[in-house]
Amino acid sequence: MSATIPGFSRVEIRTRGKGDLALAAAELTRLAGELQTIAGQDHDDETATILAHHKIKATSQMLRGK
């Protein structure tokens, strides 16, 4: 995999209480659906990885409150 292609993506979740946990559960379910969609599309591995990384990053930023 090229150095410019992410080889690792993570989601960080703010956990101040049950509200944060419920929001995270809903957003992670939504993210899972988006990742399934990307995996099922006609993209090559590199493109799919980049698309997935951007979805994961956006979800993480939202769940961290940024």
PDB file of N, CA and C in Angstrom:
ATOM      1  N   MET A   1       0.848  -1.171   0.000  1.00  0.00           N
ATOM      2  CA  MET A   1       0.000   0.000   0.000  1.00  0.00           C
ATOM      3  C   MET A   1       0.897   1.239   0.000  1.00  0.00           C
ATOM      4  N   SER A   2       0.561   2.193  -0.786  1.00  0.00           N
ATOM      5  CA  SER A   2       1.336   3.423  -0.913  1.00  0.00           C
ATOM      6  C   SER A   2       1.381   4.187   0.416  1.00  0.00           C
ATOM      7  N   ALA A   3       2.428   4.977   0.580  1.00  0.00           N
ATOM      8  CA  ALA A   3       2.570   5.765   1.810  1.00  0.00           C
ATOM      9  C   ALA A   3       1.456   6.800   1.953  1.00  0.00           C
ATOM     10  N   THR A   4       0.825   7.177   0.853  1.00  0.00           N
ATOM     11  CA  THR A   4      -0.244   8.172   0.922  1.00  0.00           C
ATOM     12  C   THR A   4      -1.615   7.551   1.164  1.00  0.00           C
ATOM     13  N   ILE A   5      -1.684   6.228   1.132  1.00  0.00           N
ATOM     14  CA  ILE A   5      -2.940   5.522   1.360  1.00  0.00           C
ATOM     15  C   ILE A   5      -2.981   5.090   2.825  1.00  0.00           C
ATOM     16  N   PRO A   6      -4.032   5.453   3.559  1.00  0.00           N
ATOM     17  CA  PRO A   6      -4.099   5.075   4.973  1.00  0.00           C
ATOM     18  C   PRO A   6      -4.108   3.557   5.147  1.00  0.00           C
ATOM     19  N   GLY A   7      -3.308   3.080   6.059  1.00  0.00           N
ATOM     20  CA  GLY A   7      -3.296   1.656   6.376  1.00  0.00           C
ATOM     21  C   GLY A   7      -4.002   1.374   7.688  1.00  0.00           C
ATOM     22  N   PHE A   8      -4.438   2.438   8.351  1.00  0.00           N
ATOM     23  CA  PHE A   8      -5.071   2.304   9.660  1.00  0.00           C
ATOM     24  C   PHE A   8      -6.002   3.489   9.866  1.00  0.00           C
ATOM     25  N   SER A   9      -7.210   3.223  10.321  1.00  0.00           N
ATOM     26  CA  SER A   9      -8.161   4.290  10.650  1.00  0.00           C
ATOM     27  C   SER A   9      -8.827   3.944  11.970  1.00  0.00           C
ATOM     28  N   ARG A  10      -9.136   4.951  12.761  1.00  0.00           N
ATOM     29  CA  ARG A  10      -9.793   4.688  14.044  1.00  0.00           C
ATOM     30  C   ARG A  10     -10.859   5.741  14.311  1.00  0.00           C
ATOM     31  N   VAL A  11     -11.773   5.372  15.171  1.00  0.00           N
ATOM     32  CA  VAL A  11     -12.816   6.294  15.615  1.00  0.00           C
ATOM     33  C   VAL A  11     -12.601   6.547  17.099  1.00  0.00           C
ATOM     34  N   GLU A  12     -12.538   7.818  17.480  1.00  0.00           N
ATOM     35  CA  GLU A  12     -12.459   8.193  18.890  1.00  0.00           C
ATOM     36  C   GLU A  12     -13.818   8.713  19.319  1.00  0.00           C
ATOM     37  N   ILE A  13     -14.228   8.333  20.522  1.00  0.00           N
ATOM     38  CA  ILE A  13     -15.564   8.657  21.014  1.00  0.00           C
ATOM     39  C   ILE A  13     -15.450   9.389  22.348  1.00  0.00           C
ATOM     40  N   ARG A  14     -16.099  10.543  22.447  1.00  0.00           N
ATOM     41  CA  ARG A  14     -16.187  11.250  23.730  1.00  0.00           C
ATOM     42  C   ARG A  14     -17.194  10.485  24.586  1.00  0.00           C
ATOM     43  N   THR A  15     -16.818  10.178  25.809  1.00  0.00           N
ATOM     44  CA  THR A  15     -17.685   9.360  26.672  1.00  0.00           C
ATOM     45  C   THR A  15     -17.961  10.081  27.985  1.00  0.00           C
ATOM     46  N   ARG A  16     -18.795  11.109  27.913  1.00  0.00           N
ATOM     47  CA  ARG A  16     -19.150  11.869  29.116  1.00  0.00           C
ATOM     48  C   ARG A  16     -20.409  11.327  29.780  1.00  0.00           C
ATOM     49  N   GLY A  17     -21.049  10.386  29.150  1.00  0.00           N
ATOM     50  CA  GLY A  17     -22.271   9.840  29.743  1.00  0.00           C
ATOM     51  C   GLY A  17     -23.054   9.032  28.730  1.00  0.00           C
ATOM     52  N   LYS A  18     -24.248   8.644  29.149  1.00  0.00           N
ATOM     53  CA  LYS A  18     -25.093   7.795  28.313  1.00  0.00           C
ATOM     54  C   LYS A  18     -25.485   8.460  26.999  1.00  0.00           C
ATOM     55  N   GLY A  19     -25.671   9.769  27.017  1.00  0.00           N
ATOM     56  CA  GLY A  19     -26.013  10.475  25.783  1.00  0.00           C
ATOM     57  C   GLY A  19     -24.929  10.323  24.723  1.00  0.00           C
ATOM     58  N   ASP A  20     -23.670  10.469  25.160  1.00  0.00           N
ATOM     59  CA  ASP A  20     -22.554  10.285  24.229  1.00  0.00           C
ATOM     60  C   ASP A  20     -22.513   8.856  23.707  1.00  0.00           C
ATOM     61  N   LEU A  21     -22.778   7.904  24.589  1.00  0.00           N
ATOM     62  CA  LEU A  21     -22.752   6.497  24.179  1.00  0.00           C
ATOM     63  C   LEU A  21     -23.866   6.181  23.187  1.00  0.00           C
ATOM     64  N   ALA A  22     -25.049   6.730  23.422  1.00  0.00           N
ATOM     65  CA  ALA A  22     -26.169   6.503  22.506  1.00  0.00           C
ATOM     66  C   ALA A  22     -25.880   7.127  21.138  1.00  0.00           C
ATOM     67  N   LEU A  23     -25.319   8.336  21.148  1.00  0.00           N
ATOM     68  CA  LEU A  23     -24.957   8.981  19.890  1.00  0.00           C
ATOM     69  C   LEU A  23     -23.903   8.155  19.156  1.00  0.00           C
ATOM     70  N   ALA A  24     -22.907   7.684  19.889  1.00  0.00           N
ATOM     71  CA  ALA A  24     -21.858   6.867  19.274  1.00  0.00           C
ATOM     72  C   ALA A  24     -22.440   5.597  18.663  1.00  0.00           C
ATOM     73  N   ALA A  25     -23.345   4.948  19.368  1.00  0.00           N
ATOM     74  CA  ALA A  25     -23.954   3.723  18.843  1.00  0.00           C
ATOM     75  C   ALA A  25     -24.681   3.998  17.531  1.00  0.00           C
ATOM     76  N   ALA A  26     -25.434   5.081  17.492  1.00  0.00           N
ATOM     77  CA  ALA A  26     -26.174   5.425  16.271  1.00  0.00           C
ATOM     78  C   ALA A  26     -25.219   5.773  15.128  1.00  0.00           C
ATOM     79  N   GLU A  27     -24.194   6.546  15.421  1.00  0.00           N
ATOM     80  CA  GLU A  27     -23.250   6.962  14.379  1.00  0.00           C
ATOM     81  C   GLU A  27     -22.396   5.801  13.891  1.00  0.00           C
ATOM     82  N   LEU A  28     -22.032   4.889  14.790  1.00  0.00           N
ATOM     83  CA  LEU A  28     -21.246   3.728  14.366  1.00  0.00           C
ATOM     84  C   LEU A  28     -22.083   2.782  13.507  1.00  0.00           C
ATOM     85  N   THR A  29     -23.371   2.689  13.804  1.00  0.00           N
ATOM     86  CA  THR A  29     -24.273   1.894  12.965  1.00  0.00           C
ATOM     87  C   THR A  29     -24.364   2.516  11.573  1.00  0.00           C
ATOM     88  N   ARG A  30     -24.497   3.851  11.526  1.00  0.00           N
ATOM     89  CA  ARG A  30     -24.537   4.558  10.246  1.00  0.00           C
ATOM     90  C   ARG A  30     -23.232   4.365   9.483  1.00  0.00           C
ATOM     91  N   LEU A  31     -22.108   4.479  10.187  1.00  0.00           N
ATOM     92  CA  LEU A  31     -20.799   4.302   9.562  1.00  0.00           C
ATOM     93  C   LEU A  31     -20.653   2.890   9.004  1.00  0.00           C
ATOM     94  N   ALA A  32     -21.113   1.905   9.746  1.00  0.00           N
ATOM     95  CA  ALA A  32     -21.030   0.520   9.266  1.00  0.00           C
ATOM     96  C   ALA A  32     -21.771   0.364   7.940  1.00  0.00           C
ATOM     97  N   GLY A  33     -22.931   0.975   7.827  1.00  0.00           N
ATOM     98  CA  GLY A  33     -23.682   0.928   6.576  1.00  0.00           C
ATOM     99  C   GLY A  33     -22.927   1.594   5.435  1.00  0.00           C
ATOM    100  N   GLU A  34     -22.307   2.733   5.726  1.00  0.00           N
ATOM    101  CA  GLU A  34     -21.533   3.434   4.699  1.00  0.00           C
ATOM    102  C   GLU A  34     -20.333   2.603   4.259  1.00  0.00           C
ATOM    103  N   LEU A  35     -19.673   1.941   5.211  1.00  0.00           N
ATOM    104  CA  LEU A  35     -18.526   1.101   4.862  1.00  0.00           C
ATOM    105  C   LEU A  35     -18.962  -0.106   4.034  1.00  0.00           C
ATOM    106  N   GLN A  36     -20.116  -0.683   4.364  1.00  0.00           N
ATOM    107  CA  GLN A  36     -20.645  -1.788   3.561  1.00  0.00           C
ATOM    108  C   GLN A  36     -20.940  -1.321   2.142  1.00  0.00           C
ATOM    109  N   THR A  37     -21.487  -0.130   2.008  1.00  0.00           N
ATOM    110  CA  THR A  37     -21.770   0.421   0.680  1.00  0.00           C
ATOM    111  C   THR A  37     -20.485   0.600  -0.112  1.00  0.00           C
ATOM    112  N   ILE A  38     -19.476   1.187   0.511  1.00  0.00           N
ATOM    113  CA  ILE A  38     -18.187   1.391  -0.163  1.00  0.00           C
ATOM    114  C   ILE A  38     -17.593   0.047  -0.582  1.00  0.00           C
ATOM    115  N   ALA A  39     -17.638  -0.930   0.302  1.00  0.00           N
ATOM    116  CA  ALA A  39     -17.069  -2.248   0.001  1.00  0.00           C
ATOM    117  C   ALA A  39     -17.795  -2.927  -1.156  1.00  0.00           C
ATOM    118  N   GLY A  40     -19.071  -2.635  -1.320  1.00  0.00           N
ATOM    119  CA  GLY A  40     -19.853  -3.265  -2.371  1.00  0.00           C
ATOM    120  C   GLY A  40     -19.809  -2.547  -3.711  1.00  0.00           C
ATOM    121  N   GLN A  41     -19.175  -1.380  -3.752  1.00  0.00           N
ATOM    122  CA  GLN A  41     -19.110  -0.615  -4.998  1.00  0.00           C
ATOM    123  C   GLN A  41     -17.953  -1.094  -5.867  1.00  0.00           C
ATOM    124  N   ASP A  42     -17.910  -0.596  -7.080  1.00  0.00           N
ATOM    125  CA  ASP A  42     -16.923  -1.031  -8.072  1.00  0.00           C
ATOM    126  C   ASP A  42     -15.586  -0.291  -7.986  1.00  0.00           C
ATOM    127  N   HIS A  43     -15.200   0.154  -6.813  1.00  0.00           N
ATOM    128  CA  HIS A  43     -13.924   0.854  -6.655  1.00  0.00           C
ATOM    129  C   HIS A  43     -12.794  -0.160  -6.514  1.00  0.00           C
ATOM    130  N   ASP A  44     -11.585   0.261  -6.912  1.00  0.00           N
ATOM    131  CA  ASP A  44     -10.430  -0.577  -6.607  1.00  0.00           C
ATOM    132  C   ASP A  44     -10.131  -0.443  -5.108  1.00  0.00           C
ATOM    133  N   ASP A  45      -9.246  -1.293  -4.599  1.00  0.00           N
ATOM    134  CA  ASP A  45      -8.956  -1.292  -3.160  1.00  0.00           C
ATOM    135  C   ASP A  45      -8.448   0.063  -2.673  1.00  0.00           C
ATOM    136  N   GLU A  46      -7.584   0.689  -3.453  1.00  0.00           N
ATOM    137  CA  GLU A  46      -7.002   1.968  -3.040  1.00  0.00           C
ATOM    138  C   GLU A  46      -8.079   3.043  -2.880  1.00  0.00           C
ATOM    139  N   THR A  47      -8.951   3.151  -3.854  1.00  0.00           N
ATOM    140  CA  THR A  47     -10.023   4.145  -3.799  1.00  0.00           C
ATOM    141  C   THR A  47     -10.979   3.851  -2.652  1.00  0.00           C
ATOM    142  N   ALA A  48     -11.348   2.593  -2.485  1.00  0.00           N
ATOM    143  CA  ALA A  48     -12.255   2.212  -1.399  1.00  0.00           C
ATOM    144  C   ALA A  48     -11.642   2.542  -0.046  1.00  0.00           C
ATOM    145  N   THR A  49     -10.349   2.294   0.097  1.00  0.00           N
ATOM    146  CA  THR A  49      -9.664   2.582   1.358  1.00  0.00           C
ATOM    147  C   THR A  49      -9.669   4.079   1.656  1.00  0.00           C
ATOM    148  N   ILE A  50      -9.410   4.884   0.651  1.00  0.00           N
ATOM    149  CA  ILE A  50      -9.413   6.342   0.837  1.00  0.00           C
ATOM    150  C   ILE A  50     -10.813   6.835   1.199  1.00  0.00           C
ATOM    151  N   LEU A  51     -11.828   6.362   0.478  1.00  0.00           N
ATOM    152  CA  LEU A  51     -13.206   6.758   0.785  1.00  0.00           C
ATOM    153  C   LEU A  51     -13.584   6.364   2.211  1.00  0.00           C
ATOM    154  N   ALA A  52     -13.250   5.139   2.594  1.00  0.00           N
ATOM    155  CA  ALA A  52     -13.569   4.657   3.938  1.00  0.00           C
ATOM    156  C   ALA A  52     -12.848   5.485   4.995  1.00  0.00           C
ATOM    157  N   HIS A  53     -11.580   5.779   4.754  1.00  0.00           N
ATOM    158  CA  HIS A  53     -10.800   6.566   5.713  1.00  0.00           C
ATOM    159  C   HIS A  53     -11.448   7.928   5.961  1.00  0.00           C
ATOM    160  N   HIS A  54     -11.914   8.572   4.903  1.00  0.00           N
ATOM    161  CA  HIS A  54     -12.555   9.881   5.058  1.00  0.00           C
ATOM    162  C   HIS A  54     -13.865   9.779   5.840  1.00  0.00           C
ATOM    163  N   LYS A  55     -14.650   8.723   5.601  1.00  0.00           N
ATOM    164  CA  LYS A  55     -15.899   8.523   6.356  1.00  0.00           C
ATOM    165  C   LYS A  55     -15.584   8.275   7.834  1.00  0.00           C
ATOM    166  N   ILE A  56     -14.572   7.453   8.098  1.00  0.00           N
ATOM    167  CA  ILE A  56     -14.183   7.132   9.473  1.00  0.00           C
ATOM    168  C   ILE A  56     -13.676   8.387  10.179  1.00  0.00           C
ATOM    169  N   LYS A  57     -12.838   9.150   9.504  1.00  0.00           N
ATOM    170  CA  LYS A  57     -12.291  10.381  10.091  1.00  0.00           C
ATOM    171  C   LYS A  57     -13.406  11.370  10.427  1.00  0.00           C
ATOM    172  N   ALA A  58     -14.358  11.547   9.515  1.00  0.00           N
ATOM    173  CA  ALA A  58     -15.468  12.476   9.752  1.00  0.00           C
ATOM    174  C   ALA A  58     -16.318  12.027  10.940  1.00  0.00           C
ATOM    175  N   THR A  59     -16.565  10.731  11.034  1.00  0.00           N
ATOM    176  CA  THR A  59     -17.348  10.204  12.160  1.00  0.00           C
ATOM    177  C   THR A  59     -16.603  10.428  13.471  1.00  0.00           C
ATOM    178  N   SER A  60     -15.312  10.158  13.465  1.00  0.00           N
ATOM    179  CA  SER A  60     -14.505  10.350  14.664  1.00  0.00           C
ATOM    180  C   SER A  60     -14.511  11.808  15.108  1.00  0.00           C
ATOM    181  N   GLN A  61     -14.346  12.730  14.170  1.00  0.00           N
ATOM    182  CA  GLN A  61     -14.346  14.152  14.519  1.00  0.00           C
ATOM    183  C   GLN A  61     -15.684  14.567  15.122  1.00  0.00           C
ATOM    184  N   MET A  62     -16.762  14.078  14.556  1.00  0.00           N
ATOM    185  CA  MET A  62     -18.089  14.414  15.071  1.00  0.00           C
ATOM    186  C   MET A  62     -18.275  13.837  16.484  1.00  0.00           C
ATOM    187  N   LEU A  63     -17.820  12.614  16.698  1.00  0.00           N
ATOM    188  CA  LEU A  63     -18.013  11.967  17.998  1.00  0.00           C
ATOM    189  C   LEU A  63     -17.057  12.492  19.071  1.00  0.00           C
ATOM    190  N   ARG A  64     -16.016  13.188  18.665  1.00  0.00           N
ATOM    191  CA  ARG A  64     -15.125  13.846  19.622  1.00  0.00           C
ATOM    192  C   ARG A  64     -15.592  15.260  19.914  1.00  0.00           C
ATOM    193  N   GLY A  65     -16.608  15.710  19.192  1.00  0.00           N
ATOM    194  CA  GLY A  65     -17.136  17.047  19.414  1.00  0.00           C
ATOM    195  C   GLY A  65     -16.390  18.130  18.676  1.00  0.00           C
ATOM    196  N   LYS A  66     -15.686  17.763  17.610  1.00  0.00           N
ATOM    197  CA  LYS A  66     -14.929  18.760  16.827  1.00  0.00           C
ATOM    198  C   LYS A  66     -15.674  19.102  15.570  1.00  0.00           C
TER     199      LYS A  66
END
